[in-house]
Protein backbone atom coordinates (compact mmCIF):
# COMPACT_ATOMS: atom_id res chain seq x y z
CA MET A 1 0.00 0.00 0.00
CA ARG A 2 1.39 3.41 -0.89
CA ASP A 3 1.30 6.54 1.21
CA ARG A 4 -1.48 9.03 0.65
CA CYS A 5 -1.29 12.74 1.29
CA PRO A 6 -3.90 14.42 3.47
CA ASP A 7 -6.91 15.90 1.69
CA GLY A 8 -6.22 19.21 0.00
CA THR A 9 -2.52 18.51 -0.50
CA VAL A 10 -0.51 17.59 -3.56
CA SER A 11 2.32 15.08 -3.89
CA LEU A 12 4.39 13.71 -6.73
CA ARG A 13 4.95 10.06 -7.61
CA VAL A 14 6.57 8.05 -10.39
CA ASN A 15 5.48 4.93 -12.21
CA PRO A 16 8.77 2.97 -12.14
CA VAL A 17 7.64 0.70 -14.96
CA LEU A 18 7.21 3.61 -17.36
CA CYS A 19 10.21 5.67 -16.26
CA ASP A 20 13.30 5.28 -18.45
CA GLY A 21 15.51 7.52 -16.30
CA VAL A 22 15.82 10.23 -18.95
CA GLY A 23 16.15 12.99 -16.32
CA ARG A 24 14.06 15.64 -18.05
CA CYS A 25 11.86 15.94 -14.96
CA ALA A 26 14.79 17.12 -12.85
CA GLN A 27 15.60 19.77 -15.45
CA LEU A 28 12.01 21.01 -15.36
CA ALA A 29 11.64 20.89 -11.57
CA PRO A 30 15.10 21.26 -10.02
CA ALA A 31 13.76 22.43 -6.65
CA VAL A 32 11.60 19.32 -6.33
CA ILE A 33 13.29 16.46 -8.19
CA ASP A 34 16.79 15.05 -7.87
CA ILE A 35 18.26 12.22 -9.94
CA ASP A 36 19.69 9.05 -8.42
CA GLN A 37 22.87 7.36 -9.66
CA TRP A 38 20.91 5.50 -12.37
CA GLY A 39 19.10 8.59 -13.66
CA PHE A 40 15.76 7.98 -11.99
CA PRO A 41 13.83 10.71 -10.15
CA VAL A 42 13.98 11.14 -6.39
CA PHE A 43 11.60 13.58 -4.74
CA PRO A 44 10.14 14.34 -1.33
CA ARG A 45 7.50 11.99 0.04
CA ARG A 46 5.52 14.83 1.52
CA PRO A 47 2.95 17.35 0.36
CA LEU A 48 4.37 19.94 -2.00
CA SER A 49 4.30 23.68 -1.39
CA PRO A 50 2.44 25.83 -3.94
CA GLU A 51 5.76 26.80 -5.56
CA GLU A 52 6.84 23.17 -5.75
CA GLN A 53 3.47 22.24 -7.23
CA GLN A 54 4.09 24.55 -10.18
CA GLN A 55 7.45 22.92 -10.91
CA ALA A 56 5.99 19.44 -10.41
CA LEU A 57 3.25 20.19 -12.93
CA ARG A 58 5.88 21.27 -15.50
CA ALA A 59 7.77 18.02 -14.87
CA VAL A 60 4.63 15.90 -15.25
CA GLU A 61 3.69 17.63 -18.50
CA GLY A 62 7.25 17.38 -19.84
CA CYS A 63 7.88 13.71 -19.06
CA PRO A 64 8.42 11.94 -22.40
CA ARG A 65 7.23 8.61 -20.96
CA HIS A 66 4.30 10.03 -18.94
CA ALA A 67 5.76 8.31 -15.88
CA LEU A 68 5.19 11.12 -13.37
CA LEU A 69 1.86 11.66 -11.65
CA ILE A 70 0.48 14.24 -9.29
CA ASP A 71 -1.64 12.93 -6.41
CA GLY A 72 -4.20 15.09 -4.73
CA ALA A 73 -5.94 18.25 -5.74
CA SER A 74 -4.60 21.75 -5.45
CA PRO A 75 -6.34 23.66 -2.65
CA SER A 76 -7.21 26.38 -5.19
CA ASN A 77 -9.31 23.89 -7.26
């Protein structure tokens, strides 16, 4: 079972089956995503701040394999 964020918060997760370790996500969201030694994304397992949410959204939209997902709904929605 995977962790869930509290209602009204947003978190980032990766589908490891789809991810090829390209690293584009870290270029699009450097304040949120780091790259491990194999090129795969590493990010905080906590709710994201509003500023981090903006970067995370860019990373999700820019992922060539569509491997990144955003969990939760922005409080402004």
